[in-house]
């Protein structure tokens, strides 16, 4: 697949045309039958969410360099722990212990969380 965004190097935050091309690239990726994305890829996470497919992730520096994710939902890489909202009378101590449908994110298991299907 030809990616439209390879026309310029680097991130361009204030260029609306660049943002439109990025959206087209993410949308095109979401049309894939099988999705293989790089580790912590924003475009990959967007595509998997749009498509509702469980992607394969790639970390070429590991012995087990390719694995399938646990869900089509993207990872929350730096998920909150020990959060207290006094106005709502809500406390979130450890999401892994308090909610059975949240698992460690395979991309970043030290701090990341992901909804499991």
C-alpha atoms as a PDB file:
ATOM      1  CA  UNK A   1       0.000   0.000   0.000  1.00  0.00           C
ATOM      2  CA  UNK A   2       1.306   3.438  -0.865  1.00  0.00           C
ATOM      3  CA  UNK A   3       1.227   5.780   2.112  1.00  0.00           C
ATOM      4  CA  UNK A   4       0.382   9.367   1.299  1.00  0.00           C
ATOM      5  CA  UNK A   5       2.265  10.746   4.283  1.00  0.00           C
ATOM      6  CA  UNK A   6       5.777   9.817   3.134  1.00  0.00           C
ATOM      7  CA  UNK A   7       5.976  13.048   1.178  1.00  0.00           C
ATOM      8  CA  UNK A   8       7.521  14.933   4.105  1.00  0.00           C
ATOM      9  CA  UNK A   9       9.792  13.988   6.965  1.00  0.00           C
ATOM     10  CA  UNK A  10       8.865  14.614  10.563  1.00  0.00           C
ATOM     11  CA  UNK A  11       5.705  15.593  12.340  1.00  0.00           C
ATOM     12  CA  UNK A  12       3.892  18.674  11.093  1.00  0.00           C
ATOM     13  CA  UNK A  13       1.377  19.811  13.688  1.00  0.00           C
ATOM     14  CA  UNK A  14       0.087  23.034  12.121  1.00  0.00           C
ATOM     15  CA  UNK A  15      -0.411  21.815   8.559  1.00  0.00           C
ATOM     16  CA  UNK A  16      -4.057  20.878   7.894  1.00  0.00           C
ATOM     17  CA  UNK A  17      -3.177  19.220   4.582  1.00  0.00           C
ATOM     18  CA  UNK A  18      -0.640  17.019   6.359  1.00  0.00           C
ATOM     19  CA  UNK A  19      -3.277  16.067   8.956  1.00  0.00           C
ATOM     20  CA  UNK A  20      -5.727  15.155   6.190  1.00  0.00           C
ATOM     21  CA  UNK A  21      -3.137  12.875   4.578  1.00  0.00           C
ATOM     22  CA  UNK A  22      -2.436  11.251   7.951  1.00  0.00           C
ATOM     23  CA  UNK A  23      -6.152  10.528   8.390  1.00  0.00           C
ATOM     24  CA  UNK A  24      -6.283   8.982   4.904  1.00  0.00           C
ATOM     25  CA  UNK A  25      -3.303   6.744   5.774  1.00  0.00           C
ATOM     26  CA  UNK A  26      -4.953   5.561   9.009  1.00  0.00           C
ATOM     27  CA  UNK A  27      -8.229   4.920   7.185  1.00  0.00           C
ATOM     28  CA  UNK A  28      -6.447   2.933   4.446  1.00  0.00           C
ATOM     29  CA  UNK A  29      -4.666   0.830   7.066  1.00  0.00           C
ATOM     30  CA  UNK A  30      -8.030   0.076   8.682  1.00  0.00           C
ATOM     31  CA  UNK A  31      -9.201  -1.558   5.432  1.00  0.00           C
ATOM     32  CA  UNK A  32      -6.584  -4.321   5.783  1.00  0.00           C
ATOM     33  CA  UNK A  33      -7.710  -7.887   6.412  1.00  0.00           C
ATOM     34  CA  UNK A  34      -4.652  -8.485   8.602  1.00  0.00           C
ATOM     35  CA  UNK A  35      -2.874  -5.651  10.362  1.00  0.00           C
ATOM     36  CA  UNK A  36       0.803  -5.819  11.355  1.00  0.00           C
ATOM     37  CA  UNK A  37       1.927  -2.686  13.177  1.00  0.00           C
ATOM     38  CA  UNK A  38       5.096  -1.517  14.813  1.00  0.00           C
ATOM     39  CA  UNK A  39       5.429  -1.263  18.563  1.00  0.00           C
ATOM     40  CA  UNK A  40       3.447   1.694  20.022  1.00  0.00           C
ATOM     41  CA  UNK A  41       2.257   2.873  16.576  1.00  0.00           C
ATOM     42  CA  UNK A  42      -0.344   5.646  16.749  1.00  0.00           C
ATOM     43  CA  UNK A  43      -1.384   4.975  13.158  1.00  0.00           C
ATOM     44  CA  UNK A  44      -1.649   1.256  13.921  1.00  0.00           C
ATOM     45  CA  UNK A  45      -3.784   1.848  17.013  1.00  0.00           C
ATOM     46  CA  UNK A  46      -6.103   4.136  15.061  1.00  0.00           C
ATOM     47  CA  UNK A  47      -6.425   1.612  12.233  1.00  0.00           C
ATOM     48  CA  UNK A  48      -7.141  -1.308  14.562  1.00  0.00           C
ATOM     49  CA  UNK A  49      -9.812   0.706  16.359  1.00  0.00           C
ATOM     50  CA  UNK A  50     -11.472   1.790  13.115  1.00  0.00           C
ATOM     51  CA  UNK A  51     -11.393  -1.743  11.695  1.00  0.00           C
ATOM     52  CA  UNK A  52     -12.279  -3.553  14.905  1.00  0.00           C
ATOM     53  CA  UNK A  53      -9.579  -6.154  14.221  1.00  0.00           C
ATOM     54  CA  UNK A  54      -7.011  -7.610  16.581  1.00  0.00           C
ATOM     55  CA  UNK A  55      -3.623  -6.698  15.101  1.00  0.00           C
ATOM     56  CA  UNK A  56      -0.228  -8.309  15.172  1.00  0.00           C
ATOM     57  CA  UNK A  57       2.539  -6.242  16.765  1.00  0.00           C
ATOM     58  CA  UNK A  58       6.175  -6.233  15.777  1.00  0.00           C
ATOM     59  CA  UNK A  59       9.201  -5.704  18.033  1.00  0.00           C
ATOM     60  CA  UNK A  60      12.123  -6.883  15.879  1.00  0.00           C
ATOM     61  CA  UNK A  61      14.652  -6.658  18.714  1.00  0.00           C
ATOM     62  CA  UNK A  62      12.931  -9.421  20.741  1.00  0.00           C
ATOM     63  CA  UNK A  63      13.272 -13.192  20.336  1.00  0.00           C
ATOM     64  CA  UNK A  64       9.495 -13.423  19.946  1.00  0.00           C
ATOM     65  CA  UNK A  65       9.358 -10.482  17.539  1.00  0.00           C
ATOM     66  CA  UNK A  66       5.748 -10.807  16.373  1.00  0.00           C
ATOM     67  CA  UNK A  67       2.626 -11.523  18.423  1.00  0.00           C
ATOM     68  CA  UNK A  68      -1.114 -10.980  18.187  1.00  0.00           C
ATOM     69  CA  UNK A  69      -2.617  -8.433  20.528  1.00  0.00           C
ATOM     70  CA  UNK A  70      -5.277  -9.345  23.088  1.00  0.00           C
ATOM     71  CA  UNK A  71      -7.914  -6.985  21.722  1.00  0.00           C
ATOM     72  CA  UNK A  72      -8.879  -4.615  18.944  1.00  0.00           C
ATOM     73  CA  UNK A  73      -8.848  -1.787  21.484  1.00  0.00           C
ATOM     74  CA  UNK A  74      -5.694   0.345  21.614  1.00  0.00           C
ATOM     75  CA  UNK A  75      -3.370   0.339  24.616  1.00  0.00           C
ATOM     76  CA  UNK A  76      -3.382   3.070  27.228  1.00  0.00           C
ATOM     77  CA  UNK A  77       0.412   3.213  27.664  1.00  0.00           C
ATOM     78  CA  UNK A  78       0.596   5.209  30.869  1.00  0.00           C
ATOM     79  CA  UNK A  79      -2.646   4.278  32.564  1.00  0.00           C
ATOM     80  CA  UNK A  80      -3.532   5.920  35.872  1.00  0.00           C
ATOM     81  CA  UNK A  81      -3.291   4.082  39.172  1.00  0.00           C
ATOM     82  CA  UNK A  82      -4.269   5.270  42.639  1.00  0.00           C
ATOM     83  CA  UNK A  83      -6.718   7.905  41.351  1.00  0.00           C
ATOM     84  CA  UNK A  84      -9.244   9.485  43.701  1.00  0.00           C
ATOM     85  CA  UNK A  85     -12.024  11.816  42.543  1.00  0.00           C
ATOM     86  CA  UNK A  86     -13.623  13.253  45.712  1.00  0.00           C
ATOM     87  CA  UNK A  87     -16.408  15.095  43.873  1.00  0.00           C
ATOM     88  CA  UNK A  88     -17.622  11.839  42.329  1.00  0.00           C
ATOM     89  CA  UNK A  89     -16.766   9.671  45.339  1.00  0.00           C
ATOM     90  CA  UNK A  90     -14.719   7.447  43.035  1.00  0.00           C
ATOM     91  CA  UNK A  91     -11.364   5.767  43.656  1.00  0.00           C
ATOM     92  CA  UNK A  92      -9.380   3.647  41.216  1.00  0.00           C
ATOM     93  CA  UNK A  93      -6.601   1.820  43.011  1.00  0.00           C
ATOM     94  CA  UNK A  94      -5.401  -0.988  40.745  1.00  0.00           C
ATOM     95  CA  UNK A  95      -7.463  -1.478  37.573  1.00  0.00           C
ATOM     96  CA  UNK A  96      -5.995  -4.959  37.006  1.00  0.00           C
ATOM     97  CA  UNK A  97      -7.406  -6.160  40.328  1.00  0.00           C
ATOM     98  CA  UNK A  98     -10.670  -4.214  40.247  1.00  0.00           C
ATOM     99  CA  UNK A  99     -11.854  -4.972  36.708  1.00  0.00           C
ATOM    100  CA  UNK A 100     -11.577  -8.411  35.075  1.00  0.00           C
ATOM    101  CA  UNK A 101     -11.778  -7.079  31.513  1.00  0.00           C
ATOM    102  CA  UNK A 102      -8.611  -4.968  31.778  1.00  0.00           C
ATOM    103  CA  UNK A 103      -5.256  -6.656  31.097  1.00  0.00           C
ATOM    104  CA  UNK A 104      -1.642  -5.536  30.812  1.00  0.00           C
ATOM    105  CA  UNK A 105      -0.869  -4.016  27.447  1.00  0.00           C
ATOM    106  CA  UNK A 106       1.430  -6.326  25.428  1.00  0.00           C
ATOM    107  CA  UNK A 107       3.159  -3.268  23.931  1.00  0.00           C
ATOM    108  CA  UNK A 108       4.144  -1.776  27.273  1.00  0.00           C
ATOM    109  CA  UNK A 109       3.335  -4.227  30.103  1.00  0.00           C
ATOM    110  CA  UNK A 110       5.136  -2.187  32.775  1.00  0.00           C
ATOM    111  CA  UNK A 111       2.641   0.710  32.676  1.00  0.00           C
ATOM    112  CA  UNK A 112       0.092   0.034  29.936  1.00  0.00           C
ATOM    113  CA  UNK A 113      -3.454  -1.309  30.146  1.00  0.00           C
ATOM    114  CA  UNK A 114      -5.827  -2.611  27.493  1.00  0.00           C
ATOM    115  CA  UNK A 115      -9.442  -3.726  27.377  1.00  0.00           C
ATOM    116  CA  UNK A 116      -9.607  -7.479  26.776  1.00  0.00           C
ATOM    117  CA  UNK A 117     -12.278  -9.075  24.631  1.00  0.00           C
END
